[in-house]
N, C-alpha and C. Protein backbone atom coordinates (compact mmCIF):
# COMPACT_ATOMS: atom_id res chain seq x y z
N PRO A 1 -2.59 -6.72 31.17
CA PRO A 1 -2.21 -5.63 32.08
C PRO A 1 -0.71 -5.47 32.25
N GLN A 2 0.02 -6.57 32.19
CA GLN A 2 1.47 -6.48 32.38
C GLN A 2 2.12 -5.71 31.24
N ILE A 3 1.71 -5.97 30.01
CA ILE A 3 2.28 -5.26 28.86
C ILE A 3 1.92 -3.78 28.92
N MET A 4 0.66 -3.49 29.25
CA MET A 4 0.25 -2.09 29.38
C MET A 4 1.07 -1.39 30.46
N ASP A 5 1.30 -2.06 31.55
CA ASP A 5 2.10 -1.50 32.64
C ASP A 5 3.51 -1.17 32.16
N GLU A 6 4.10 -2.09 31.41
CA GLU A 6 5.45 -1.85 30.88
C GLU A 6 5.47 -0.68 29.90
N TRP A 7 4.47 -0.58 29.02
CA TRP A 7 4.39 0.53 28.07
C TRP A 7 4.26 1.86 28.80
N LEU A 8 3.37 1.88 29.79
CA LEU A 8 3.17 3.13 30.53
C LEU A 8 4.44 3.55 31.26
N ARG A 9 5.13 2.60 31.87
CA ARG A 9 6.38 2.95 32.56
C ARG A 9 7.40 3.52 31.59
N THR A 10 7.54 2.90 30.44
CA THR A 10 8.49 3.37 29.43
C THR A 10 8.13 4.77 28.96
N LEU A 11 6.86 4.97 28.65
CA LEU A 11 6.40 6.28 28.19
C LEU A 11 6.57 7.34 29.28
N LEU A 12 6.28 6.97 30.51
CA LEU A 12 6.47 7.91 31.62
C LEU A 12 7.93 8.33 31.76
N LYS A 13 8.84 7.38 31.60
CA LYS A 13 10.26 7.71 31.68
C LYS A 13 10.66 8.70 30.59
N ILE A 14 10.14 8.49 29.39
CA ILE A 14 10.44 9.39 28.28
C ILE A 14 9.86 10.77 28.55
N LEU A 15 8.60 10.82 28.96
CA LEU A 15 7.97 12.11 29.23
C LEU A 15 8.67 12.84 30.37
N TYR A 16 9.05 12.10 31.39
CA TYR A 16 9.74 12.71 32.52
C TYR A 16 11.09 13.29 32.09
N LYS A 17 11.76 12.59 31.21
CA LYS A 17 13.06 13.05 30.72
C LYS A 17 12.94 14.39 29.98
N TYR A 18 11.85 14.56 29.22
CA TYR A 18 11.68 15.77 28.41
C TYR A 18 10.67 16.74 29.01
N ARG A 19 10.37 16.62 30.27
CA ARG A 19 9.35 17.45 30.92
C ARG A 19 9.68 18.93 30.88
N ARG A 20 10.96 19.27 30.85
CA ARG A 20 11.35 20.69 30.83
C ARG A 20 11.12 21.33 29.47
N LEU A 21 11.15 20.54 28.44
CA LEU A 21 10.94 21.07 27.09
C LEU A 21 9.47 21.36 26.81
N MET A 22 8.62 20.53 27.35
CA MET A 22 7.19 20.68 27.11
C MET A 22 6.44 20.44 28.41
N ARG A 23 5.24 20.95 28.48
CA ARG A 23 4.42 20.81 29.69
C ARG A 23 3.62 19.50 29.62
N PHE A 24 4.10 18.49 30.31
CA PHE A 24 3.44 17.19 30.32
C PHE A 24 2.81 16.88 31.67
N ASP A 25 2.70 17.86 32.56
CA ASP A 25 2.24 17.59 33.92
C ASP A 25 0.91 16.85 33.98
N LYS A 26 -0.08 17.34 33.25
CA LYS A 26 -1.41 16.71 33.27
C LYS A 26 -1.36 15.31 32.68
N LEU A 27 -0.62 15.17 31.59
CA LEU A 27 -0.51 13.86 30.94
C LEU A 27 0.19 12.86 31.85
N ILE A 28 1.28 13.29 32.47
CA ILE A 28 2.02 12.40 33.38
C ILE A 28 1.14 11.98 34.55
N THR A 29 0.40 12.92 35.11
CA THR A 29 -0.50 12.60 36.22
C THR A 29 -1.55 11.58 35.79
N LYS A 30 -2.13 11.80 34.62
CA LYS A 30 -3.16 10.87 34.12
C LYS A 30 -2.56 9.48 33.89
N MET A 31 -1.36 9.44 33.34
CA MET A 31 -0.72 8.14 33.07
C MET A 31 -0.38 7.41 34.36
N ILE A 32 0.04 8.14 35.37
CA ILE A 32 0.33 7.50 36.66
C ILE A 32 -0.95 6.90 37.24
N LEU A 33 -2.05 7.62 37.13
CA LEU A 33 -3.33 7.09 37.61
C LEU A 33 -3.73 5.85 36.82
N GLU A 34 -3.49 5.86 35.51
CA GLU A 34 -3.80 4.69 34.68
C GLU A 34 -2.93 3.51 35.09
N GLU A 35 -1.67 3.77 35.37
CA GLU A 35 -0.77 2.70 35.79
C GLU A 35 -1.28 2.06 37.09
N TRP A 36 -1.73 2.89 38.02
CA TRP A 36 -2.29 2.35 39.27
C TRP A 36 -3.52 1.50 38.99
N SER A 37 -4.37 1.96 38.07
CA SER A 37 -5.57 1.19 37.72
C SER A 37 -5.20 -0.16 37.12
N ILE A 38 -4.22 -0.15 36.25
CA ILE A 38 -3.78 -1.40 35.62
C ILE A 38 -3.22 -2.36 36.66
N ARG A 39 -2.47 -1.84 37.61
CA ARG A 39 -1.95 -2.70 38.69
C ARG A 39 -3.08 -3.30 39.51
N LYS A 40 -4.10 -2.48 39.79
CA LYS A 40 -5.27 -3.00 40.53
C LYS A 40 -5.93 -4.14 39.77
N ILE A 41 -6.12 -3.93 38.47
CA ILE A 41 -6.76 -4.96 37.63
C ILE A 41 -5.92 -6.23 37.64
N ARG A 42 -4.62 -6.08 37.48
CA ARG A 42 -3.74 -7.25 37.47
C ARG A 42 -3.83 -7.99 38.81
N ASN A 43 -3.81 -7.25 39.89
CA ASN A 43 -3.88 -7.88 41.21
C ASN A 43 -5.20 -8.62 41.41
N ILE A 44 -6.28 -8.06 40.91
CA ILE A 44 -7.59 -8.73 41.01
C ILE A 44 -7.58 -10.01 40.18
N LEU A 45 -7.05 -9.92 38.95
CA LEU A 45 -7.01 -11.10 38.08
C LEU A 45 -6.15 -12.21 38.68
N LEU A 46 -5.13 -11.86 39.40
CA LEU A 46 -4.24 -12.86 39.97
C LEU A 46 -4.74 -13.42 41.30
N ASP A 47 -5.75 -12.80 41.88
CA ASP A 47 -6.30 -13.24 43.16
C ASP A 47 -7.43 -14.23 42.91
N SER A 48 -7.17 -15.51 43.13
CA SER A 48 -8.17 -16.55 42.84
C SER A 48 -9.40 -16.45 43.74
N GLN A 49 -9.32 -15.70 44.82
CA GLN A 49 -10.48 -15.48 45.69
C GLN A 49 -11.43 -14.43 45.10
N LYS A 50 -10.91 -13.61 44.18
CA LYS A 50 -11.72 -12.51 43.63
C LYS A 50 -12.15 -12.73 42.18
N SER A 51 -11.40 -13.52 41.45
CA SER A 51 -11.76 -13.66 40.03
C SER A 51 -11.30 -15.00 39.46
N GLU A 52 -11.93 -15.34 38.37
CA GLU A 52 -11.56 -16.53 37.60
C GLU A 52 -12.02 -16.30 36.18
N PHE A 53 -11.22 -16.71 35.23
CA PHE A 53 -11.59 -16.58 33.82
C PHE A 53 -12.45 -17.76 33.42
N VAL A 54 -13.61 -17.48 32.82
CA VAL A 54 -14.48 -18.52 32.28
C VAL A 54 -14.50 -18.30 30.77
N GLY A 55 -13.92 -19.24 30.05
CA GLY A 55 -13.85 -19.12 28.59
C GLY A 55 -15.15 -19.50 27.93
N ILE A 56 -15.40 -18.88 26.79
CA ILE A 56 -16.57 -19.21 25.98
C ILE A 56 -16.06 -19.45 24.56
N THR A 57 -16.43 -20.59 24.00
CA THR A 57 -15.95 -20.94 22.67
C THR A 57 -17.05 -21.62 21.87
N ILE A 58 -16.76 -21.94 20.65
CA ILE A 58 -17.67 -22.70 19.80
C ILE A 58 -16.94 -23.95 19.34
N PRO A 59 -17.68 -25.02 19.01
CA PRO A 59 -17.03 -26.29 18.65
C PRO A 59 -16.53 -26.31 17.20
N GLU A 60 -15.58 -25.45 16.89
CA GLU A 60 -14.95 -25.44 15.57
C GLU A 60 -13.44 -25.48 15.77
N ALA A 61 -12.74 -26.07 14.84
CA ALA A 61 -11.30 -26.31 14.99
C ALA A 61 -10.52 -25.05 15.33
N MET A 62 -10.71 -23.98 14.58
CA MET A 62 -9.95 -22.75 14.81
C MET A 62 -10.24 -22.18 16.20
N SER A 63 -11.49 -22.20 16.58
CA SER A 63 -11.87 -21.67 17.89
C SER A 63 -11.27 -22.50 19.02
N VAL A 64 -11.26 -23.80 18.86
CA VAL A 64 -10.68 -24.68 19.87
C VAL A 64 -9.18 -24.42 20.01
N LEU A 65 -8.48 -24.27 18.87
CA LEU A 65 -7.04 -23.98 18.91
C LEU A 65 -6.76 -22.65 19.60
N GLU A 66 -7.54 -21.63 19.26
CA GLU A 66 -7.37 -20.31 19.88
C GLU A 66 -7.64 -20.39 21.39
N THR A 67 -8.66 -21.16 21.76
CA THR A 67 -9.00 -21.31 23.17
C THR A 67 -7.87 -22.03 23.92
N GLU A 68 -7.30 -23.05 23.30
CA GLU A 68 -6.17 -23.75 23.92
C GLU A 68 -5.00 -22.79 24.13
N ASP A 69 -4.71 -21.97 23.14
CA ASP A 69 -3.63 -20.98 23.26
C ASP A 69 -3.92 -20.00 24.40
N LEU A 70 -5.17 -19.54 24.46
CA LEU A 70 -5.56 -18.60 25.51
C LEU A 70 -5.41 -19.23 26.89
N LEU A 71 -5.89 -20.44 27.04
CA LEU A 71 -5.80 -21.12 28.34
C LEU A 71 -4.34 -21.34 28.75
N ALA A 72 -3.49 -21.67 27.79
CA ALA A 72 -2.06 -21.84 28.10
C ALA A 72 -1.46 -20.52 28.56
N ARG A 73 -1.83 -19.43 27.90
CA ARG A 73 -1.31 -18.11 28.28
C ARG A 73 -1.81 -17.72 29.68
N LEU A 74 -3.09 -17.97 29.94
CA LEU A 74 -3.64 -17.67 31.26
C LEU A 74 -2.89 -18.44 32.35
N LYS A 75 -2.55 -19.68 32.04
CA LYS A 75 -1.82 -20.50 33.01
C LYS A 75 -0.45 -19.90 33.30
N THR A 76 0.25 -19.43 32.26
CA THR A 76 1.57 -18.82 32.49
C THR A 76 1.45 -17.52 33.28
N LEU A 77 0.30 -16.83 33.13
CA LEU A 77 0.07 -15.59 33.87
C LEU A 77 -0.49 -15.86 35.27
N LYS A 78 -0.74 -17.14 35.57
CA LYS A 78 -1.29 -17.57 36.87
C LYS A 78 -2.68 -17.01 37.13
N ILE A 79 -3.48 -16.94 36.05
CA ILE A 79 -4.87 -16.52 36.16
C ILE A 79 -5.73 -17.79 36.17
N GLN A 80 -6.56 -17.92 37.20
CA GLN A 80 -7.39 -19.11 37.37
C GLN A 80 -8.39 -19.27 36.23
N SER A 81 -8.56 -20.51 35.76
CA SER A 81 -9.56 -20.82 34.75
C SER A 81 -9.89 -22.31 34.85
N HIS A 82 -11.05 -22.61 35.42
CA HIS A 82 -11.45 -24.01 35.61
C HIS A 82 -12.68 -24.39 34.78
N TYR A 83 -13.35 -23.41 34.17
CA TYR A 83 -14.60 -23.70 33.47
C TYR A 83 -14.55 -23.17 32.04
N MET A 84 -15.29 -23.87 31.18
CA MET A 84 -15.39 -23.48 29.78
C MET A 84 -16.84 -23.64 29.34
N VAL A 85 -17.35 -22.66 28.65
CA VAL A 85 -18.70 -22.73 28.08
C VAL A 85 -18.53 -22.95 26.58
N ILE A 86 -19.22 -23.97 26.05
CA ILE A 86 -19.14 -24.23 24.62
C ILE A 86 -20.51 -23.96 24.03
N ASN A 87 -20.59 -22.91 23.22
CA ASN A 87 -21.85 -22.52 22.57
C ASN A 87 -22.12 -23.38 21.35
N MET A 88 -23.35 -23.33 20.90
CA MET A 88 -23.80 -23.97 19.65
C MET A 88 -23.72 -25.50 19.70
N ILE A 89 -23.92 -26.08 20.86
CA ILE A 89 -23.96 -27.55 20.94
C ILE A 89 -25.40 -27.98 21.09
């Protein structure tokens, strides 16, 4: 959500800058609404009372490495993750 938020802000700035050349009113309005939605999602993901990530993986080397990377990224984003489901055991 954070990257999407940054992309939308950048694109909105560009569209706003050139708004007189072309009619972007509907597009800008839709993008602002999307930005609000993304912020809501991010806030929910960061609220440990409302959500927690539960990972699902399989017991294979590549999958375990990818899962470790994902969990490390979630930790830097401060998204709660205390449980892991391992399929095919």
